[in-house]
């Protein structure tokens, strides 16, 4: 009787271990580490399976993480890990250690390119996206002010010539 009890417990314990392993595997707790392999990450993105990627663009270090997702969207997090050395301090303030969460439509994953923010930024939200947009607005403002300065000088000269 004792022997049958032990065999049943071994079967139950084995079944519990298998169930736990399946839950961990399907939940995305363990993410595939693609390191710097963009092809590995892109393949995982197209399938929306959990993965990580560290990449360098313009001497800035980014990390990408695909989280386990259910439904019609795939969740990817993009984080600016480190700004390029010598970059404007404002970049550091607005972007470094900031992240954005992207809820990407599953039917468009094959068109998304992690190297091209324009391919997916419309589906993102968070401090990194806000910082990027703030920089764009500041640059546009600077350009507009420079152009207006030239127009104002021309207008002043025209007014002075009429007087």
C-alpha atoms as a PDB file:
ATOM      1  CA  UNK A   1       0.000   0.000   0.000  1.00  0.00           C
ATOM      2  CA  UNK A   2       2.830   2.362   0.766  1.00  0.00           C
ATOM      3  CA  UNK A   3       4.435   1.649  -2.573  1.00  0.00           C
ATOM      4  CA  UNK A   4       1.261   2.543  -4.545  1.00  0.00           C
ATOM      5  CA  UNK A   5       0.932   5.756  -2.570  1.00  0.00           C
ATOM      6  CA  UNK A   6       4.489   6.802  -3.494  1.00  0.00           C
ATOM      7  CA  UNK A   7       3.936   6.029  -7.207  1.00  0.00           C
ATOM      8  CA  UNK A   8       0.748   8.121  -7.238  1.00  0.00           C
ATOM      9  CA  UNK A   9       2.570  11.022  -5.599  1.00  0.00           C
ATOM     10  CA  UNK A  10       5.356  10.815  -8.187  1.00  0.00           C
ATOM     11  CA  UNK A  11       2.793  10.976 -10.982  1.00  0.00           C
ATOM     12  CA  UNK A  12       1.009  13.932  -9.380  1.00  0.00           C
ATOM     13  CA  UNK A  13       4.305  15.736  -8.726  1.00  0.00           C
ATOM     14  CA  UNK A  14       5.423  15.164 -12.318  1.00  0.00           C
ATOM     15  CA  UNK A  15       2.093  16.455 -13.626  1.00  0.00           C
ATOM     16  CA  UNK A  16       2.355  19.566 -11.428  1.00  0.00           C
ATOM     17  CA  UNK A  17       5.901  20.264 -12.670  1.00  0.00           C
ATOM     18  CA  UNK A  18       4.772  19.900 -16.295  1.00  0.00           C
ATOM     19  CA  UNK A  19       1.824  22.251 -15.736  1.00  0.00           C
ATOM     20  CA  UNK A  20       4.059  24.833 -14.044  1.00  0.00           C
ATOM     21  CA  UNK A  21       6.584  24.619 -16.895  1.00  0.00           C
ATOM     22  CA  UNK A  22       3.820  25.134 -19.472  1.00  0.00           C
ATOM     23  CA  UNK A  23       2.409  28.116 -17.574  1.00  0.00           C
ATOM     24  CA  UNK A  24       5.846  29.739 -17.353  1.00  0.00           C
ATOM     25  CA  UNK A  25       6.567  29.076 -21.037  1.00  0.00           C
ATOM     26  CA  UNK A  26       3.232  30.396 -22.335  1.00  0.00           C
ATOM     27  CA  UNK A  27       3.013  33.356 -19.948  1.00  0.00           C
ATOM     28  CA  UNK A  28       6.149  35.011 -21.315  1.00  0.00           C
ATOM     29  CA  UNK A  29       7.881  35.163 -17.954  1.00  0.00           C
ATOM     30  CA  UNK A  30      10.947  33.763 -19.666  1.00  0.00           C
ATOM     31  CA  UNK A  31      11.829  35.949 -22.659  1.00  0.00           C
ATOM     32  CA  UNK A  32      14.045  34.901 -25.533  1.00  0.00           C
ATOM     33  CA  UNK A  33      17.216  36.983 -25.369  1.00  0.00           C
ATOM     34  CA  UNK A  34      18.041  37.979 -28.929  1.00  0.00           C
ATOM     35  CA  UNK A  35      20.995  40.070 -27.602  1.00  0.00           C
ATOM     36  CA  UNK A  36      21.841  42.192 -30.672  1.00  0.00           C
ATOM     37  CA  UNK A  37      20.358  39.879 -33.305  1.00  0.00           C
ATOM     38  CA  UNK A  38      17.746  42.008 -35.065  1.00  0.00           C
ATOM     39  CA  UNK A  39      16.614  39.132 -37.273  1.00  0.00           C
ATOM     40  CA  UNK A  40      15.876  37.026 -34.179  1.00  0.00           C
ATOM     41  CA  UNK A  41      13.887  39.880 -32.644  1.00  0.00           C
ATOM     42  CA  UNK A  42      12.011  40.636 -35.840  1.00  0.00           C
ATOM     43  CA  UNK A  43      11.014  36.965 -36.207  1.00  0.00           C
ATOM     44  CA  UNK A  44       9.707  36.999 -32.624  1.00  0.00           C
ATOM     45  CA  UNK A  45       7.890  40.278 -33.252  1.00  0.00           C
ATOM     46  CA  UNK A  46       6.124  38.879 -36.317  1.00  0.00           C
ATOM     47  CA  UNK A  47       4.910  35.971 -34.186  1.00  0.00           C
ATOM     48  CA  UNK A  48       4.390  38.177 -31.096  1.00  0.00           C
ATOM     49  CA  UNK A  49       6.432  35.859 -28.907  1.00  0.00           C
ATOM     50  CA  UNK A  50       8.309  37.268 -25.939  1.00  0.00           C
ATOM     51  CA  UNK A  51      11.837  38.440 -26.681  1.00  0.00           C
ATOM     52  CA  UNK A  52      14.443  41.088 -25.851  1.00  0.00           C
ATOM     53  CA  UNK A  53      16.830  43.076 -28.030  1.00  0.00           C
ATOM     54  CA  UNK A  54      19.545  45.618 -27.284  1.00  0.00           C
ATOM     55  CA  UNK A  55      20.443  47.806 -30.241  1.00  0.00           C
ATOM     56  CA  UNK A  56      22.492  50.895 -31.006  1.00  0.00           C
ATOM     57  CA  UNK A  57      21.169  53.607 -33.317  1.00  0.00           C
ATOM     58  CA  UNK A  58      23.065  56.854 -33.802  1.00  0.00           C
ATOM     59  CA  UNK A  59      25.270  55.878 -30.835  1.00  0.00           C
ATOM     60  CA  UNK A  60      22.172  55.708 -28.594  1.00  0.00           C
ATOM     61  CA  UNK A  61      21.440  52.423 -26.824  1.00  0.00           C
ATOM     62  CA  UNK A  62      17.855  51.138 -26.955  1.00  0.00           C
ATOM     63  CA  UNK A  63      16.251  48.054 -25.472  1.00  0.00           C
ATOM     64  CA  UNK A  64      13.171  46.447 -26.968  1.00  0.00           C
ATOM     65  CA  UNK A  65      11.018  43.932 -25.124  1.00  0.00           C
ATOM     66  CA  UNK A  66       8.072  42.014 -26.528  1.00  0.00           C
ATOM     67  CA  UNK A  67       5.699  41.119 -23.695  1.00  0.00           C
ATOM     68  CA  UNK A  68       3.230  38.267 -23.711  1.00  0.00           C
ATOM     69  CA  UNK A  69       0.068  39.551 -25.324  1.00  0.00           C
ATOM     70  CA  UNK A  70      -3.372  38.217 -26.001  1.00  0.00           C
ATOM     71  CA  UNK A  71      -6.021  39.509 -28.352  1.00  0.00           C
ATOM     72  CA  UNK A  72      -5.530  41.591 -31.475  1.00  0.00           C
ATOM     73  CA  UNK A  73      -2.498  43.559 -30.282  1.00  0.00           C
ATOM     74  CA  UNK A  74       1.102  42.731 -29.480  1.00  0.00           C
ATOM     75  CA  UNK A  75       2.742  44.687 -26.660  1.00  0.00           C
ATOM     76  CA  UNK A  76       6.290  45.949 -27.162  1.00  0.00           C
ATOM     77  CA  UNK A  77       8.242  48.220 -24.844  1.00  0.00           C
ATOM     78  CA  UNK A  78      10.995  50.481 -26.171  1.00  0.00           C
ATOM     79  CA  UNK A  79      13.430  52.064 -23.716  1.00  0.00           C
ATOM     80  CA  UNK A  80      16.243  54.546 -24.315  1.00  0.00           C
ATOM     81  CA  UNK A  81      18.929  53.019 -22.140  1.00  0.00           C
ATOM     82  CA  UNK A  82      21.718  55.495 -22.835  1.00  0.00           C
ATOM     83  CA  UNK A  83      22.174  58.661 -24.877  1.00  0.00           C
ATOM     84  CA  UNK A  84      25.226  59.023 -27.094  1.00  0.00           C
ATOM     85  CA  UNK A  85      28.256  60.547 -25.427  1.00  0.00           C
ATOM     86  CA  UNK A  86      28.503  64.254 -26.121  1.00  0.00           C
ATOM     87  CA  UNK A  87      24.819  64.618 -26.972  1.00  0.00           C
ATOM     88  CA  UNK A  88      22.923  67.738 -26.012  1.00  0.00           C
ATOM     89  CA  UNK A  89      22.104  67.581 -22.270  1.00  0.00           C
ATOM     90  CA  UNK A  90      18.496  68.250 -23.168  1.00  0.00           C
ATOM     91  CA  UNK A  91      18.400  64.870 -24.965  1.00  0.00           C
ATOM     92  CA  UNK A  92      19.535  63.214 -21.769  1.00  0.00           C
ATOM     93  CA  UNK A  93      16.876  64.987 -19.739  1.00  0.00           C
ATOM     94  CA  UNK A  94      14.049  64.219 -22.163  1.00  0.00           C
ATOM     95  CA  UNK A  95      14.996  60.740 -23.386  1.00  0.00           C
ATOM     96  CA  UNK A  96      17.520  58.811 -21.300  1.00  0.00           C
ATOM     97  CA  UNK A  97      15.997  55.990 -19.216  1.00  0.00           C
ATOM     98  CA  UNK A  98      12.556  56.801 -20.650  1.00  0.00           C
ATOM     99  CA  UNK A  99      10.337  54.182 -22.232  1.00  0.00           C
ATOM    100  CA  UNK A 100       7.179  53.855 -24.265  1.00  0.00           C
ATOM    101  CA  UNK A 101       4.645  51.054 -24.457  1.00  0.00           C
ATOM    102  CA  UNK A 102       3.478  50.104 -27.945  1.00  0.00           C
ATOM    103  CA  UNK A 103       0.282  48.145 -28.614  1.00  0.00           C
ATOM    104  CA  UNK A 104       0.863  46.956 -32.158  1.00  0.00           C
ATOM    105  CA  UNK A 105      -1.913  45.472 -34.305  1.00  0.00           C
ATOM    106  CA  UNK A 106      -1.089  41.806 -34.902  1.00  0.00           C
ATOM    107  CA  UNK A 107      -2.129  41.991 -38.553  1.00  0.00           C
ATOM    108  CA  UNK A 108       0.527  44.676 -39.202  1.00  0.00           C
ATOM    109  CA  UNK A 109       3.490  43.167 -37.334  1.00  0.00           C
ATOM    110  CA  UNK A 110       5.256  42.118 -40.540  1.00  0.00           C
ATOM    111  CA  UNK A 111       5.466  45.793 -41.590  1.00  0.00           C
ATOM    112  CA  UNK A 112       6.943  46.978 -38.278  1.00  0.00           C
ATOM    113  CA  UNK A 113      10.687  47.619 -38.196  1.00  0.00           C
ATOM    114  CA  UNK A 114      12.303  48.121 -34.774  1.00  0.00           C
ATOM    115  CA  UNK A 115      14.952  50.302 -36.446  1.00  0.00           C
ATOM    116  CA  UNK A 116      12.305  52.676 -37.795  1.00  0.00           C
ATOM    117  CA  UNK A 117      10.256  54.408 -35.094  1.00  0.00           C
ATOM    118  CA  UNK A 118       7.985  55.839 -37.812  1.00  0.00           C
ATOM    119  CA  UNK A 119       6.715  52.327 -38.566  1.00  0.00           C
ATOM    120  CA  UNK A 120       5.182  51.907 -35.103  1.00  0.00           C
ATOM    121  CA  UNK A 121       5.299  55.123 -33.029  1.00  0.00           C
ATOM    122  CA  UNK A 122       1.627  55.903 -33.725  1.00  0.00           C
ATOM    123  CA  UNK A 123       0.757  52.856 -31.590  1.00  0.00           C
ATOM    124  CA  UNK A 124       2.939  53.934 -28.639  1.00  0.00           C
ATOM    125  CA  UNK A 125       2.507  56.040 -25.533  1.00  0.00           C
ATOM    126  CA  UNK A 126       4.752  56.997 -22.667  1.00  0.00           C
ATOM    127  CA  UNK A 127       7.541  59.350 -21.582  1.00  0.00           C
ATOM    128  CA  UNK A 128       9.925  58.388 -24.416  1.00  0.00           C
ATOM    129  CA  UNK A 129       7.369  59.267 -27.097  1.00  0.00           C
ATOM    130  CA  UNK A 130       6.532  62.508 -25.317  1.00  0.00           C
ATOM    131  CA  UNK A 131      10.241  63.399 -25.098  1.00  0.00           C
ATOM    132  CA  UNK A 132      10.780  62.675 -28.799  1.00  0.00           C
ATOM    133  CA  UNK A 133       7.818  64.846 -29.748  1.00  0.00           C
ATOM    134  CA  UNK A 134       8.980  67.627 -27.448  1.00  0.00           C
ATOM    135  CA  UNK A 135      12.359  67.644 -29.199  1.00  0.00           C
ATOM    136  CA  UNK A 136      10.684  67.783 -32.612  1.00  0.00           C
ATOM    137  CA  UNK A 137       8.501  70.696 -31.515  1.00  0.00           C
ATOM    138  CA  UNK A 138      11.505  72.572 -30.094  1.00  0.00           C
ATOM    139  CA  UNK A 139      13.451  72.102 -33.327  1.00  0.00           C
ATOM    140  CA  UNK A 140      10.499  73.274 -35.393  1.00  0.00           C
ATOM    141  CA  UNK A 141      10.085  76.304 -33.131  1.00  0.00           C
ATOM    142  CA  UNK A 142      13.774  77.175 -33.546  1.00  0.00           C
ATOM    143  CA  UNK A 143      13.482  76.972 -37.333  1.00  0.00           C
ATOM    144  CA  UNK A 144      10.307  79.095 -37.386  1.00  0.00           C
ATOM    145  CA  UNK A 145      11.888  81.751 -35.144  1.00  0.00           C
ATOM    146  CA  UNK A 146      14.960  81.939 -37.394  1.00  0.00           C
ATOM    147  CA  UNK A 147      12.750  82.357 -40.451  1.00  0.00           C
ATOM    148  CA  UNK A 148      10.605  84.983 -38.714  1.00  0.00           C
ATOM    149  CA  UNK A 149      13.721  86.891 -37.686  1.00  0.00           C
ATOM    150  CA  UNK A 150      14.701  87.255 -41.355  1.00  0.00           C
ATOM    151  CA  UNK A 151      11.171  88.326 -42.297  1.00  0.00           C
ATOM    152  CA  UNK A 152      11.085  90.899 -39.480  1.00  0.00           C
ATOM    153  CA  UNK A 153      14.399  92.399 -40.642  1.00  0.00           C
ATOM    154  CA  UNK A 154      13.080  92.689 -44.190  1.00  0.00           C
ATOM    155  CA  UNK A 155       9.882  94.334 -42.935  1.00  0.00           C
ATOM    156  CA  UNK A 156      11.863  96.813 -40.813  1.00  0.00           C
ATOM    157  CA  UNK A 157      14.077  97.699 -43.775  1.00  0.00           C
ATOM    158  CA  UNK A 158      11.023  98.189 -45.979  1.00  0.00           C
ATOM    159  CA  UNK A 159       9.416 100.455 -43.369  1.00  0.00           C
ATOM    160  CA  UNK A 160      12.624 102.472 -42.922  1.00  0.00           C
ATOM    161  CA  UNK A 161      12.931 102.914 -46.683  1.00  0.00           C
ATOM    162  CA  UNK A 162       9.406 104.359 -46.818  1.00  0.00           C
ATOM    163  CA  UNK A 163      10.088 106.902 -44.081  1.00  0.00           C
END
